Amino acid sequence: LNVLIGDMSVVGPRPDIQGYYDVLQGEPRNILNLKPGLTSEASLKYFN
């Protein structure tokens, strides 16, 4: 539902609570230019 309404994408960084991605500085802050996703390489690696 979040993907359908446009808050998320099928693929992108998993959305996190405040205090993680939103406090990144410098180059890593570019991650916030992406819509969060249902799945990603990182979510595959850390499925458990």
All heavy atoms as atom14 arrays in JSON, in Angstrom:
{
  "sequence": "LNVLIGDMSVVGPRPDIQGYYDVLQGEPRNILNLKPGLTSEASLKYFN",
  "atom14_mask": [
    [1, 1, 1, 1, 1, 1, 1, 1, 0, 0, 0, 0, 0, 0],
    [1, 1, 1, 1, 1, 1, 1, 1, 0, 0, 0, 0, 0, 0],
    [1, 1, 1, 1, 1, 1, 1, 0, 0, 0, 0, 0, 0, 0],
    [1, 1, 1, 1, 1, 1, 1, 1, 0, 0, 0, 0, 0, 0],
    [1, 1, 1, 1, 1, 1, 1, 1, 0, 0, 0, 0, 0, 0],
    [1, 1, 1, 1, 0, 0, 0, 0, 0, 0, 0, 0, 0, 0],
    [1, 1, 1, 1, 1, 1, 1, 1, 0, 0, 0, 0, 0, 0],
    [1, 1, 1, 1, 1, 1, 1, 1, 0, 0, 0, 0, 0, 0],
    [1, 1, 1, 1, 1, 1, 0, 0, 0, 0, 0, 0, 0, 0],
    [1, 1, 1, 1, 1, 1, 1, 0, 0, 0, 0, 0, 0, 0],
    [1, 1, 1, 1, 1, 1, 1, 0, 0, 0, 0, 0, 0, 0],
    [1, 1, 1, 1, 0, 0, 0, 0, 0, 0, 0, 0, 0, 0],
    [1, 1, 1, 1, 1, 1, 1, 0, 0, 0, 0, 0, 0, 0],
    [1, 1, 1, 1, 1, 1, 1, 1, 1, 1, 1, 0, 0, 0],
    [1, 1, 1, 1, 1, 1, 1, 0, 0, 0, 0, 0, 0, 0],
    [1, 1, 1, 1, 1, 1, 1, 1, 0, 0, 0, 0, 0, 0],
    [1, 1, 1, 1, 1, 1, 1, 1, 0, 0, 0, 0, 0, 0],
    [1, 1, 1, 1, 1, 1, 1, 1, 1, 0, 0, 0, 0, 0],
    [1, 1, 1, 1, 0, 0, 0, 0, 0, 0, 0, 0, 0, 0],
    [1, 1, 1, 1, 1, 1, 1, 1, 1, 1, 1, 1, 0, 0],
    [1, 1, 1, 1, 1, 1, 1, 1, 1, 1, 1, 1, 0, 0],
    [1, 1, 1, 1, 1, 1, 1, 1, 0, 0, 0, 0, 0, 0],
    [1, 1, 1, 1, 1, 1, 1, 0, 0, 0, 0, 0, 0, 0],
    [1, 1, 1, 1, 1, 1, 1, 1, 0, 0, 0, 0, 0, 0],
    [1, 1, 1, 1, 1, 1, 1, 1, 1, 0, 0, 0, 0, 0],
    [1, 1, 1, 1, 0, 0, 0, 0, 0, 0, 0, 0, 0, 0],
    [1, 1, 1, 1, 1, 1, 1, 1, 1, 0, 0, 0, 0, 0],
    [1, 1, 1, 1, 1, 1, 1, 0, 0, 0, 0, 0, 0, 0],
    [1, 1, 1, 1, 1, 1, 1, 1, 1, 1, 1, 0, 0, 0],
    [1, 1, 1, 1, 1, 1, 1, 1, 0, 0, 0, 0, 0, 0],
    [1, 1, 1, 1, 1, 1, 1, 1, 0, 0, 0, 0, 0, 0],
    [1, 1, 1, 1, 1, 1, 1, 1, 0, 0, 0, 0, 0, 0],
    [1, 1, 1, 1, 1, 1, 1, 1, 0, 0, 0, 0, 0, 0],
    [1, 1, 1, 1, 1, 1, 1, 1, 0, 0, 0, 0, 0, 0],
    [1, 1, 1, 1, 1, 1, 1, 1, 1, 0, 0, 0, 0, 0],
    [1, 1, 1, 1, 1, 1, 1, 0, 0, 0, 0, 0, 0, 0],
    [1, 1, 1, 1, 0, 0, 0, 0, 0, 0, 0, 0, 0, 0],
    [1, 1, 1, 1, 1, 1, 1, 1, 0, 0, 0, 0, 0, 0],
    [1, 1, 1, 1, 1, 1, 1, 0, 0, 0, 0, 0, 0, 0],
    [1, 1, 1, 1, 1, 1, 0, 0, 0, 0, 0, 0, 0, 0],
    [1, 1, 1, 1, 1, 1, 1, 1, 1, 0, 0, 0, 0, 0],
    [1, 1, 1, 1, 1, 0, 0, 0, 0, 0, 0, 0, 0, 0],
    [1, 1, 1, 1, 1, 1, 0, 0, 0, 0, 0, 0, 0, 0],
    [1, 1, 1, 1, 1, 1, 1, 1, 0, 0, 0, 0, 0, 0],
    [1, 1, 1, 1, 1, 1, 1, 1, 1, 0, 0, 0, 0, 0],
    [1, 1, 1, 1, 1, 1, 1, 1, 1, 1, 1, 1, 0, 0],
    [1, 1, 1, 1, 1, 1, 1, 1, 1, 1, 1, 0, 0, 0],
    [1, 1, 1, 1, 1, 1, 1, 1, 0, 0, 0, 0, 0, 0]
  ],
  "atom14_positions": [
    [[0.84, -1.21, 0.0], [0.0, 0.0, 0.0], [0.87, 1.25, 0.0], [0.58, 2.22, -0.71], [-0.93, 0.01, 1.22], [-2.02, -1.04, 1.26], [-2.67, -1.1, 2.64], [-3.06, -0.76, 0.2], [0.0, 0.0, 0.0], [0.0, 0.0, 0.0], [0.0, 0.0, 0.0], [0.0, 0.0, 0.0], [0.0, 0.0, 0.0], [0.0, 0.0, 0.0]],
    [[1.95, 1.24, 0.81], [2.88, 2.37, 0.82], [3.52, 2.58, -0.54], [3.74, 3.73, -0.95], [3.97, 2.17, 1.87], [3.48, 2.28, 3.28], [3.44, 1.28, 4.0], [3.11, 3.47, 3.72], [0.0, 0.0, 0.0], [0.0, 0.0, 0.0], [0.0, 0.0, 0.0], [0.0, 0.0, 0.0], [0.0, 0.0, 0.0], [0.0, 0.0, 0.0]],
    [[3.8, 1.49, -1.24], [4.39, 1.6, -2.58], [3.36, 2.17, -3.54], [3.66, 3.09, -4.31], [4.91, 0.23, -3.07], [5.39, 0.32, -4.53], [6.03, -0.28, -2.18], [0.0, 0.0, 0.0], [0.0, 0.0, 0.0], [0.0, 0.0, 0.0], [0.0, 0.0, 0.0], [0.0, 0.0, 0.0], [0.0, 0.0, 0.0], [0.0, 0.0, 0.0]],
    [[2.15, 1.66, -3.48], [1.1, 2.11, -4.41], [0.83, 3.61, -4.27], [0.68, 4.3, -5.27], [-0.19, 1.31, -4.17], [-1.28, 1.5, -5.21], [-0.82, 1.02, -6.58], [-2.53, 0.73, -4.78], [0.0, 0.0, 0.0], [0.0, 0.0, 0.0], [0.0, 0.0, 0.0], [0.0, 0.0, 0.0], [0.0, 0.0, 0.0], [0.0, 0.0, 0.0]],
    [[0.82, 4.12, -3.04], [0.52, 5.55, -2.86], [1.75, 6.44, -3.06], [1.64, 7.66, -3.08], [-0.15, 5.84, -1.5], [0.78, 5.51, -0.33], [-1.47, 5.13, -1.39], [0.23, 5.91, 1.01], [0.0, 0.0, 0.0], [0.0, 0.0, 0.0], [0.0, 0.0, 0.0], [0.0, 0.0, 0.0], [0.0, 0.0, 0.0], [0.0, 0.0, 0.0]],
    [[2.94, 5.83, -3.19], [4.13, 6.6, -3.54], [5.05, 6.96, -2.39], [6.03, 7.67, -2.6], [0.0, 0.0, 0.0], [0.0, 0.0, 0.0], [0.0, 0.0, 0.0], [0.0, 0.0, 0.0], [0.0, 0.0, 0.0], [0.0, 0.0, 0.0], [0.0, 0.0, 0.0], [0.0, 0.0, 0.0], [0.0, 0.0, 0.0], [0.0, 0.0, 0.0]],
    [[4.77, 6.48, -1.18], [5.68, 6.74, -0.06], [6.93, 5.87, -0.14], [7.97, 6.23, 0.41], [5.0, 6.44, 1.29], [3.94, 7.46, 1.64], [4.06, 8.62, 1.22], [2.99, 7.08, 2.35], [0.0, 0.0, 0.0], [0.0, 0.0, 0.0], [0.0, 0.0, 0.0], [0.0, 0.0, 0.0], [0.0, 0.0, 0.0], [0.0, 0.0, 0.0]],
    [[6.79, 4.73, -0.78], [7.9, 3.77, -0.89], [8.0, 3.31, -2.33], [7.13, 3.57, -3.15], [7.65, 2.55, 0.03], [7.72, 2.86, 1.5], [7.33, 1.43, 2.56], [8.67, 0.3, 2.15], [0.0, 0.0, 0.0], [0.0, 0.0, 0.0], [0.0, 0.0, 0.0], [0.0, 0.0, 0.0], [0.0, 0.0, 0.0], [0.0, 0.0, 0.0]],
    [[9.07, 2.59, -2.6], [9.31, 1.96, -3.89], [9.46, 0.46, -3.64], [9.63, 0.03, -2.5], [10.6, 2.53, -4.5], [10.82, 2.0, -5.78], [0.0, 0.0, 0.0], [0.0, 0.0, 0.0], [0.0, 0.0, 0.0], [0.0, 0.0, 0.0], [0.0, 0.0, 0.0], [0.0, 0.0, 0.0], [0.0, 0.0, 0.0], [0.0, 0.0, 0.0]],
    [[9.38, -0.33, -4.68], [9.59, -1.77, -4.5], [11.04, -2.0, -4.07], [11.3, -2.76, -3.14], [9.25, -2.56, -5.78], [9.62, -4.03, -5.63], [7.76, -2.43, -6.12], [0.0, 0.0, 0.0], [0.0, 0.0, 0.0], [0.0, 0.0, 0.0], [0.0, 0.0, 0.0], [0.0, 0.0, 0.0], [0.0, 0.0, 0.0], [0.0, 0.0, 0.0]],
    [[11.98, -1.32, -4.72], [13.4, -1.48, -4.4], [13.97, -0.15, -3.92], [13.77, 0.89, -4.54], [14.21, -1.98, -5.61], [15.69, -2.11, -5.26], [13.67, -3.32, -6.11], [0.0, 0.0, 0.0], [0.0, 0.0, 0.0], [0.0, 0.0, 0.0], [0.0, 0.0, 0.0], [0.0, 0.0, 0.0], [0.0, 0.0, 0.0], [0.0, 0.0, 0.0]],
    [[14.65, -0.2, -2.8], [15.29, 0.97, -2.22], [15.7, 0.65, -0.8], [15.37, -0.42, -0.28], [0.0, 0.0, 0.0], [0.0, 0.0, 0.0], [0.0, 0.0, 0.0], [0.0, 0.0, 0.0], [0.0, 0.0, 0.0], [0.0, 0.0, 0.0], [0.0, 0.0, 0.0], [0.0, 0.0, 0.0], [0.0, 0.0, 0.0], [0.0, 0.0, 0.0]],
    [[16.42, 1.54, -0.15], [16.83, 1.28, 1.24], [15.61, 1.07, 2.12], [14.62, 1.79, 1.99], [17.55, 2.57, 1.65], [17.85, 3.28, 0.38], [16.83, 2.86, -0.62], [0.0, 0.0, 0.0], [0.0, 0.0, 0.0], [0.0, 0.0, 0.0], [0.0, 0.0, 0.0], [0.0, 0.0, 0.0], [0.0, 0.0, 0.0], [0.0, 0.0, 0.0]],
    [[15.66, 0.1, 3.0], [14.54, -0.13, 3.92], [14.34, 1.11, 4.78], [15.31, 1.71, 5.25], [14.82, -1.35, 4.82], [14.76, -2.67, 4.1], [13.37, -3.05, 3.63], [12.47, -3.16, 4.78], [11.17, -2.88, 4.74], [10.6, -2.47, 3.63], [10.44, -3.0, 5.81], [0.0, 0.0, 0.0], [0.0, 0.0, 0.0], [0.0, 0.0, 0.0]],
    [[13.09, 1.51, 4.98], [12.84, 2.71, 5.79], [13.15, 2.45, 7.26], [12.87, 1.38, 7.79], [11.34, 2.95, 5.58], [10.78, 1.62, 5.23], [11.87, 0.89, 4.49], [0.0, 0.0, 0.0], [0.0, 0.0, 0.0], [0.0, 0.0, 0.0], [0.0, 0.0, 0.0], [0.0, 0.0, 0.0], [0.0, 0.0, 0.0], [0.0, 0.0, 0.0]],
    [[13.76, 3.41, 7.89], [14.16, 3.26, 9.28], [13.47, 4.31, 10.13], [12.89, 5.27, 9.62], [15.69, 3.4, 9.41], [16.28, 2.45, 10.43], [15.6, 2.16, 11.44], [17.41, 2.01, 10.24], [0.0, 0.0, 0.0], [0.0, 0.0, 0.0], [0.0, 0.0, 0.0], [0.0, 0.0, 0.0], [0.0, 0.0, 0.0], [0.0, 0.0, 0.0]],
    [[13.54, 4.11, 11.42], [13.0, 5.09, 12.36], [13.94, 6.3, 12.4], [15.06, 6.24, 11.89], [12.85, 4.48, 13.78], [14.2, 3.98, 14.31], [11.8, 3.38, 13.78], [14.18, 3.52, 15.76], [0.0, 0.0, 0.0], [0.0, 0.0, 0.0], [0.0, 0.0, 0.0], [0.0, 0.0, 0.0], [0.0, 0.0, 0.0], [0.0, 0.0, 0.0]],
    [[13.47, 7.37, 12.98], [14.3, 8.56, 13.11], [15.54, 8.24, 13.93], [15.52, 7.4, 14.82], [13.51, 9.68, 13.78], [12.44, 10.26, 12.88], [11.64, 11.34, 13.58], [10.85, 11.06, 14.46], [11.86, 12.58, 13.17], [0.0, 0.0, 0.0], [0.0, 0.0, 0.0], [0.0, 0.0, 0.0], [0.0, 0.0, 0.0], [0.0, 0.0, 0.0]],
    [[16.63, 8.94, 13.59], [17.87, 8.77, 14.32], [18.9, 7.94, 13.58], [19.99, 7.7, 14.1], [0.0, 0.0, 0.0], [0.0, 0.0, 0.0], [0.0, 0.0, 0.0], [0.0, 0.0, 0.0], [0.0, 0.0, 0.0], [0.0, 0.0, 0.0], [0.0, 0.0, 0.0], [0.0, 0.0, 0.0], [0.0, 0.0, 0.0], [0.0, 0.0, 0.0]],
    [[18.58, 7.53, 12.35], [19.54, 6.77, 11.56], [19.81, 7.5, 10.24], [20.7, 8.33, 10.16], [19.08, 5.33, 11.37], [19.26, 4.53, 12.64], [18.22, 4.4, 13.56], [20.47, 3.93, 12.95], [18.39, 3.7, 14.74], [20.66, 3.23, 14.13], [19.61, 3.12, 15.02], [19.8, 2.43, 16.19], [0.0, 0.0, 0.0], [0.0, 0.0, 0.0]],
    [[19.06, 7.2, 9.19], [19.33, 7.82, 7.9], [19.17, 9.33, 7.94], [19.91, 10.05, 7.27], [18.42, 7.24, 6.81], [18.79, 5.82, 6.44], [17.96, 4.76, 6.74], [19.99, 5.56, 5.78], [18.31, 3.45, 6.42], [20.35, 4.26, 5.45], [19.5, 3.21, 5.76], [19.85, 1.93, 5.44], [0.0, 0.0, 0.0], [0.0, 0.0, 0.0]],
    [[18.25, 9.82, 8.74], [18.0, 11.25, 8.77], [19.12, 12.05, 9.44], [19.17, 13.27, 9.31], [16.66, 11.56, 9.43], [16.53, 10.99, 10.83], [17.08, 9.9, 11.09], [15.87, 11.63, 11.66], [0.0, 0.0, 0.0], [0.0, 0.0, 0.0], [0.0, 0.0, 0.0], [0.0, 0.0, 0.0], [0.0, 0.0, 0.0], [0.0, 0.0, 0.0]],
    [[20.02, 11.41, 10.13], [21.12, 12.12, 10.77], [22.46, 11.91, 10.05], [23.5, 12.39, 10.52], [21.26, 11.76, 12.27], [20.01, 12.19, 13.03], [21.56, 10.3, 12.47], [0.0, 0.0, 0.0], [0.0, 0.0, 0.0], [0.0, 0.0, 0.0], [0.0, 0.0, 0.0], [0.0, 0.0, 0.0], [0.0, 0.0, 0.0], [0.0, 0.0, 0.0]],
    [[22.44, 11.21, 8.93], [23.66, 11.02, 8.16], [24.16, 12.37, 7.64], [23.36, 13.28, 7.35], [23.41, 10.09, 6.97], [23.17, 8.62, 7.3], [22.79, 7.85, 6.04], [24.38, 7.99, 7.97], [0.0, 0.0, 0.0], [0.0, 0.0, 0.0], [0.0, 0.0, 0.0], [0.0, 0.0, 0.0], [0.0, 0.0, 0.0], [0.0, 0.0, 0.0]],
    [[25.46, 12.48, 7.5], [26.09, 13.71, 7.01], [26.94, 13.38, 5.79], [27.35, 12.24, 5.6], [26.98, 14.32, 8.1], [26.24, 14.73, 9.36], [25.27, 15.86, 9.12], [25.6, 16.84, 8.44], [24.06, 15.74, 9.65], [0.0, 0.0, 0.0], [0.0, 0.0, 0.0], [0.0, 0.0, 0.0], [0.0, 0.0, 0.0], [0.0, 0.0, 0.0]],
    [[27.21, 14.4, 5.0], [28.1, 14.24, 3.85], [27.52, 13.34, 2.78], [26.31, 13.28, 2.57], [0.0, 0.0, 0.0], [0.0, 0.0, 0.0], [0.0, 0.0, 0.0], [0.0, 0.0, 0.0], [0.0, 0.0, 0.0], [0.0, 0.0, 0.0], [0.0, 0.0, 0.0], [0.0, 0.0, 0.0], [0.0, 0.0, 0.0], [0.0, 0.0, 0.0]],
    [[28.42, 12.61, 2.11], [28.02, 11.76, 0.99], [26.95, 10.72, 1.36], [26.0, 10.53, 0.58], [29.26, 11.05, 0.42], [28.96, 10.23, -0.8], [30.18, 9.46, -1.3], [31.14, 9.25, -0.53], [30.13, 9.05, -2.47], [0.0, 0.0, 0.0], [0.0, 0.0, 0.0], [0.0, 0.0, 0.0], [0.0, 0.0, 0.0], [0.0, 0.0, 0.0]],
    [[27.03, 10.06, 2.52], [26.0, 9.07, 2.85], [24.58, 9.65, 2.88], [23.6, 8.92, 2.7], [26.42, 8.56, 4.23], [27.89, 8.74, 4.25], [28.12, 10.03, 3.49], [0.0, 0.0, 0.0], [0.0, 0.0, 0.0], [0.0, 0.0, 0.0], [0.0, 0.0, 0.0], [0.0, 0.0, 0.0], [0.0, 0.0, 0.0], [0.0, 0.0, 0.0]],
    [[24.45, 10.95, 3.08], [23.13, 11.58, 3.11], [22.42, 11.47, 1.76], [21.2, 11.64, 1.67], [23.25, 13.03, 3.57], [21.91, 13.61, 3.95], [22.06, 14.77, 4.91], [20.77, 15.37, 5.2], [19.96, 14.97, 6.16], [20.31, 13.99, 6.96], [18.8, 15.56, 6.35], [0.0, 0.0, 0.0], [0.0, 0.0, 0.0], [0.0, 0.0, 0.0]],
    [[23.17, 11.18, 0.68], [22.54, 10.97, -0.63], [21.5, 9.86, -0.6], [20.6, 9.83, -1.43], [23.6, 10.65, -1.69], [24.36, 11.89, -2.12], [23.8, 12.99, -2.17], [25.63, 11.72, -2.43], [0.0, 0.0, 0.0], [0.0, 0.0, 0.0], [0.0, 0.0, 0.0], [0.0, 0.0, 0.0], [0.0, 0.0, 0.0], [0.0, 0.0, 0.0]],
    [[21.62, 8.95, 0.34], [20.65, 7.85, 0.46], [19.24, 8.41, 0.62], [18.27, 7.83, 0.14], [21.03, 6.91, 1.63], [22.35, 6.19, 1.33], [19.92, 5.9, 1.91], [22.96, 5.47, 2.51], [0.0, 0.0, 0.0], [0.0, 0.0, 0.0], [0.0, 0.0, 0.0], [0.0, 0.0, 0.0], [0.0, 0.0, 0.0], [0.0, 0.0, 0.0]],
    [[19.12, 9.56, 1.28], [17.8, 10.16, 1.49], [17.17, 10.68, 0.19], [15.99, 11.02, 0.17], [17.87, 11.29, 2.52], [18.07, 10.85, 3.96], [18.21, 12.06, 4.87], [16.93, 9.96, 4.42], [0.0, 0.0, 0.0], [0.0, 0.0, 0.0], [0.0, 0.0, 0.0], [0.0, 0.0, 0.0], [0.0, 0.0, 0.0], [0.0, 0.0, 0.0]],
    [[17.94, 10.73, -0.9], [17.37, 11.11, -2.19], [16.54, 9.98, -2.79], [15.8, 10.19, -3.75], [18.47, 11.53, -3.16], [19.11, 12.83, -2.76], [18.44, 13.73, -2.26], [20.42, 12.94, -2.96], [0.0, 0.0, 0.0], [0.0, 0.0, 0.0], [0.0, 0.0, 0.0], [0.0, 0.0, 0.0], [0.0, 0.0, 0.0], [0.0, 0.0, 0.0]],
    [[16.71, 8.78, -2.24], [15.98, 7.6, -2.72], [14.7, 7.4, -1.92], [14.65, 7.7, -0.73], [16.84, 6.35, -2.56], [18.19, 6.35, -3.28], [19.04, 5.19, -2.78], [17.98, 6.27, -4.78], [0.0, 0.0, 0.0], [0.0, 0.0, 0.0], [0.0, 0.0, 0.0], [0.0, 0.0, 0.0], [0.0, 0.0, 0.0], [0.0, 0.0, 0.0]],
    [[13.68, 6.85, -2.59], [12.5, 6.42, -1.84], [12.88, 5.14, -1.11], [13.59, 4.29, -1.65], [11.33, 6.11, -2.78], [10.57, 7.32, -3.2], [9.31, 6.92, -3.93], [8.61, 8.17, -4.41], [7.4, 7.86, -5.15], [0.0, 0.0, 0.0], [0.0, 0.0, 0.0], [0.0, 0.0, 0.0], [0.0, 0.0, 0.0], [0.0, 0.0, 0.0]],
    [[12.41, 4.99, 0.12], [12.66, 3.72, 0.81], [11.94, 2.6, 0.07], [10.95, 2.83, -0.61], [12.09, 3.95, 2.21], [11.2, 5.12, 2.1], [11.63, 5.92, 0.91], [0.0, 0.0, 0.0], [0.0, 0.0, 0.0], [0.0, 0.0, 0.0], [0.0, 0.0, 0.0], [0.0, 0.0, 0.0], [0.0, 0.0, 0.0], [0.0, 0.0, 0.0]],
    [[12.45, 1.38, 0.23], [11.9, 0.26, -0.53], [11.48, -0.92, 0.32], [11.83, -1.03, 1.5], [0.0, 0.0, 0.0], [0.0, 0.0, 0.0], [0.0, 0.0, 0.0], [0.0, 0.0, 0.0], [0.0, 0.0, 0.0], [0.0, 0.0, 0.0], [0.0, 0.0, 0.0], [0.0, 0.0, 0.0], [0.0, 0.0, 0.0], [0.0, 0.0, 0.0]],
    [[10.75, -1.8, -0.33], [10.37, -3.07, 0.29], [11.56, -4.0, 0.41], [11.64, -4.8, 1.33], [9.31, -3.79, -0.55], [7.93, -3.17, -0.66], [7.08, -3.95, -1.64], [7.27, -3.14, 0.7], [0.0, 0.0, 0.0], [0.0, 0.0, 0.0], [0.0, 0.0, 0.0], [0.0, 0.0, 0.0], [0.0, 0.0, 0.0], [0.0, 0.0, 0.0]],
    [[12.47, -3.9, -0.55], [13.62, -4.79, -0.57], [14.83, -4.05, -1.12], [14.71, -3.02, -1.77], [13.33, -6.05, -1.4], [14.42, -6.98, -1.24], [13.12, -5.75, -2.87], [0.0, 0.0, 0.0], [0.0, 0.0, 0.0], [0.0, 0.0, 0.0], [0.0, 0.0, 0.0], [0.0, 0.0, 0.0], [0.0, 0.0, 0.0], [0.0, 0.0, 0.0]],
    [[15.99, -4.6, -0.81], [17.26, -4.02, -1.28], [18.33, -5.09, -1.13], [18.1, -6.14, -0.53], [17.62, -2.8, -0.43], [17.89, -3.2, 0.9], [0.0, 0.0, 0.0], [0.0, 0.0, 0.0], [0.0, 0.0, 0.0], [0.0, 0.0, 0.0], [0.0, 0.0, 0.0], [0.0, 0.0, 0.0], [0.0, 0.0, 0.0], [0.0, 0.0, 0.0]],
    [[19.51, -4.79, -1.65], [20.64, -5.7, -1.44], [20.91, -5.87, 0.05], [21.19, -6.96, 0.53], [21.9, -5.17, -2.14], [21.86, -5.25, -3.65], [22.12, -6.65, -4.19], [22.52, -7.55, -3.43], [21.92, -6.83, -5.4], [0.0, 0.0, 0.0], [0.0, 0.0, 0.0], [0.0, 0.0, 0.0], [0.0, 0.0, 0.0], [0.0, 0.0, 0.0]],
    [[20.8, -4.77, 0.8], [21.05, -4.83, 2.25], [20.0, -5.68, 2.96], [20.34, -6.44, 3.87], [21.09, -3.41, 2.83], [0.0, 0.0, 0.0], [0.0, 0.0, 0.0], [0.0, 0.0, 0.0], [0.0, 0.0, 0.0], [0.0, 0.0, 0.0], [0.0, 0.0, 0.0], [0.0, 0.0, 0.0], [0.0, 0.0, 0.0], [0.0, 0.0, 0.0]],
    [[18.74, -5.57, 2.55], [17.72, -6.38, 3.22], [17.87, -7.86, 2.86], [17.52, -8.73, 3.66], [16.3, -5.88, 2.92], [15.97, -6.04, 1.57], [0.0, 0.0, 0.0], [0.0, 0.0, 0.0], [0.0, 0.0, 0.0], [0.0, 0.0, 0.0], [0.0, 0.0, 0.0], [0.0, 0.0, 0.0], [0.0, 0.0, 0.0], [0.0, 0.0, 0.0]],
    [[18.4, -8.14, 1.69], [18.68, -9.53, 1.34], [19.82, -10.07, 2.2], [19.75, -11.17, 2.73], [19.04, -9.66, -0.14], [17.88, -9.49, -1.13], [18.4, -9.34, -2.55], [16.92, -10.66, -1.02], [0.0, 0.0, 0.0], [0.0, 0.0, 0.0], [0.0, 0.0, 0.0], [0.0, 0.0, 0.0], [0.0, 0.0, 0.0], [0.0, 0.0, 0.0]],
    [[20.87, -9.26, 2.35], [22.01, -9.69, 3.16], [21.61, -9.87, 4.62], [22.05, -10.81, 5.27], [23.15, -8.67, 3.06], [24.37, -9.05, 3.88], [25.51, -8.07, 3.69], [26.72, -8.49, 4.5], [27.85, -7.56, 4.3], [0.0, 0.0, 0.0], [0.0, 0.0, 0.0], [0.0, 0.0, 0.0], [0.0, 0.0, 0.0], [0.0, 0.0, 0.0]],
    [[20.77, -8.98, 5.12], [20.38, -9.02, 6.53], [18.94, -9.51, 6.72], [18.22, -9.03, 7.58], [20.58, -7.63, 7.17], [22.03, -7.27, 7.27], [22.6, -6.31, 6.44], [22.86, -7.9, 8.2], [23.94, -6.0, 6.53], [24.21, -7.6, 8.28], [24.74, -6.64, 7.45], [26.08, -6.35, 7.55], [0.0, 0.0, 0.0], [0.0, 0.0, 0.0]],
    [[18.54, -10.49, 5.91], [17.18, -11.03, 6.01], [16.91, -11.6, 7.4], [15.78, -11.64, 7.86], [16.92, -12.09, 4.94], [17.61, -13.4, 5.21], [16.95, -14.43, 5.84], [18.93, -13.6, 4.81], [17.6, -15.64, 6.09], [19.58, -14.79, 5.06], [18.91, -15.82, 5.7], [0.0, 0.0, 0.0], [0.0, 0.0, 0.0], [0.0, 0.0, 0.0]],
    [[17.95, -12.02, 8.1], [17.81, -12.59, 9.45], [18.36, -11.64, 10.5], [18.88, -12.07, 11.53], [18.5, -13.95, 9.52], [20.0, -13.85, 9.27], [20.49, -12.83, 8.8], [20.71, -14.91, 9.58], [0.0, 0.0, 0.0], [0.0, 0.0, 0.0], [0.0, 0.0, 0.0], [0.0, 0.0, 0.0], [0.0, 0.0, 0.0], [0.0, 0.0, 0.0]]
  ]
}
